[in-house]
Protein backbone atom coordinates (compact mmCIF):
# COMPACT_ATOMS: atom_id res chain seq x y z
CA MET A 1 -36.39 -195.02 184.75
CA THR A 2 -38.77 -196.49 182.30
CA LYS A 3 -41.02 -193.92 180.72
CA HIS A 4 -44.93 -194.98 181.28
CA LEU A 5 -46.64 -195.82 178.28
CA PRO A 6 -50.28 -194.49 177.77
CA VAL A 7 -52.71 -197.31 178.12
CA SER A 8 -55.61 -197.58 175.84
CA LEU A 9 -58.47 -199.69 176.61
CA VAL A 10 -60.32 -200.67 173.27
CA ILE A 11 -63.76 -202.35 173.62
CA ASP A 12 -65.05 -203.92 170.42
CA ASP A 13 -66.61 -206.92 169.47
CA GLU A 14 -65.01 -206.85 166.14
CA VAL A 15 -61.47 -208.67 166.08
CA GLN A 16 -60.30 -206.74 163.04
CA ILE A 17 -61.42 -203.18 164.21
CA ARG A 18 -59.31 -204.45 167.67
CA ARG A 19 -56.69 -205.35 165.55
CA PHE A 20 -56.50 -202.24 163.54
CA LEU A 21 -57.06 -200.32 166.69
CA ARG A 22 -54.06 -202.21 168.59
CA ALA A 23 -51.58 -201.42 165.51
CA GLY A 24 -52.32 -197.99 165.64
CA PHE A 25 -52.48 -197.24 168.90
CA GLU A 26 -48.82 -199.11 169.27
CA LEU A 27 -47.31 -197.37 166.48
CA ASP A 28 -48.32 -193.89 168.39
CA GLY A 29 -46.72 -195.34 171.61
CA PHE A 30 -49.46 -196.91 173.48
CA ALA A 31 -50.01 -199.96 175.45
CA VAL A 32 -53.24 -201.67 174.45
CA GLN A 33 -55.78 -203.55 176.35
CA GLU A 34 -58.63 -205.37 174.59
CA ALA A 35 -62.18 -206.36 175.38
CA ALA A 36 -64.57 -208.08 173.22
CA THR A 37 -67.67 -207.62 175.79
CA GLY A 38 -68.81 -204.75 178.01
CA ALA A 39 -68.34 -206.96 180.86
CA GLU A 40 -64.90 -207.64 180.05
CA GLY A 41 -64.09 -204.08 179.51
CA LEU A 42 -65.56 -203.06 182.52
CA ARG A 43 -63.61 -205.64 184.63
CA ILE A 44 -60.20 -204.41 182.69
CA ALA A 45 -61.10 -201.05 183.59
CA THR A 46 -61.62 -201.51 187.30
CA LEU A 47 -58.70 -203.74 187.40
CA ARG A 48 -56.00 -201.81 185.50
CA PRO A 49 -54.97 -198.17 185.33
CA ILE A 50 -56.15 -196.98 182.03
CA ASP A 51 -55.62 -193.57 180.30
CA ILE A 52 -58.32 -193.93 177.41
CA VAL A 53 -61.27 -195.99 176.70
CA ILE A 54 -62.33 -196.55 173.34
CA VAL A 55 -65.91 -198.13 173.16
CA ASP A 56 -67.96 -199.26 170.48
CA LEU A 57 -71.52 -199.04 171.17
CA GLY A 58 -72.82 -202.39 169.44
CA LEU A 59 -71.36 -204.93 172.00
CA PRO A 60 -72.91 -208.26 172.34
CA ASP A 61 -73.58 -208.24 176.13
CA MET A 62 -74.63 -204.69 176.66
CA ASP A 63 -74.50 -201.31 174.75
CA GLY A 64 -71.65 -199.28 174.80
CA ALA A 65 -73.49 -196.49 176.27
CA GLU A 66 -73.99 -198.38 179.31
CA VAL A 67 -70.35 -199.23 179.53
CA ALA A 68 -69.55 -195.53 178.93
CA GLU A 69 -71.93 -194.43 181.54
CA ARG A 70 -70.91 -197.31 184.27
CA ILE A 71 -67.12 -196.20 183.90
CA ARG A 72 -68.11 -192.59 184.22
CA SER A 73 -69.94 -193.31 187.30
CA TRP A 74 -66.40 -193.75 188.93
CA SER A 75 -63.46 -192.59 186.66
CA THR A 76 -62.88 -189.46 184.86
CA VAL A 77 -60.56 -191.25 182.37
CA PRO A 78 -61.43 -190.12 178.71
CA ILE A 79 -63.82 -192.16 176.92
CA ILE A 80 -64.13 -191.93 173.00
CA VAL A 81 -67.15 -193.91 171.60
CA LEU A 82 -66.79 -195.43 167.98
CA SER A 83 -69.99 -196.34 166.39
CA VAL A 84 -71.77 -196.78 162.59
CA ARG A 85 -74.52 -194.78 164.46
CA SER A 86 -74.17 -191.11 162.80
CA SER A 87 -77.22 -189.30 164.00
CA GLU A 88 -76.86 -186.31 165.89
CA ASP A 89 -79.54 -187.42 168.65
CA GLU A 90 -77.06 -190.47 169.16
CA LYS A 91 -73.97 -188.29 169.24
CA VAL A 92 -75.57 -185.86 171.78
CA ARG A 93 -76.87 -188.66 174.12
CA LEU A 94 -73.68 -190.16 174.46
CA LEU A 95 -71.72 -186.82 175.22
CA GLU A 96 -74.16 -186.20 177.83
CA LEU A 97 -74.02 -189.61 179.61
CA GLY A 98 -70.28 -188.83 180.02
CA ALA A 99 -68.08 -189.72 176.70
CA ASP A 100 -65.64 -187.16 175.70
CA ASP A 101 -65.54 -187.83 171.86
CA TYR A 102 -67.81 -189.52 169.34
CA VAL A 103 -65.89 -191.05 166.18
CA VAL A 104 -68.36 -192.42 163.50
CA LYS A 105 -67.12 -195.70 161.69
CA PRO A 106 -65.49 -195.89 159.05
CA PHE A 107 -62.82 -193.45 160.65
CA GLY A 108 -59.24 -192.92 159.65
CA MET A 109 -56.47 -193.95 162.25
CA ALA A 110 -55.00 -190.25 162.14
CA GLU A 111 -58.08 -188.60 162.99
CA LEU A 112 -58.79 -190.84 166.00
CA LEU A 113 -55.38 -190.53 167.43
CA ALA A 114 -55.45 -186.89 167.09
CA ARG A 115 -58.85 -187.08 169.10
CA VAL A 116 -57.12 -189.28 171.65
CA ARG A 117 -54.33 -186.87 172.16
CA ALA A 118 -56.69 -184.16 172.56
CA ALA A 119 -58.58 -185.89 175.35
CA LEU A 120 -55.40 -186.81 177.10
CA ARG A 121 -54.36 -183.27 176.99
CA ARG A 122 -57.63 -182.18 178.68
CA GLN A 123 -57.32 -184.84 181.28
């Protein structure tokens, strides 16, 4: 029997960030799905079993907050927001919309993976 790899969905319009996250997640034993837009991320989240969602706030087609809110409306999957926006008000708003954690860019991969594992433990 093959062990199920946890699946992370990375929704970010910056290809360099997606590559960085893919490399880090794969080294940590995750399978990775990628989306460059909110709509694409929502489509993947509805069609495939996902264990955790990493979403950027600044997406080209919609705000990442809307993506998080829409996923939260039908799923309990952990959602971690990645953003350059670092105000406390913004963090509080996203956490109240249903995000499980908020990581400010730039960030270290080790910290993000620790936050991902913590979110998955609580799941």
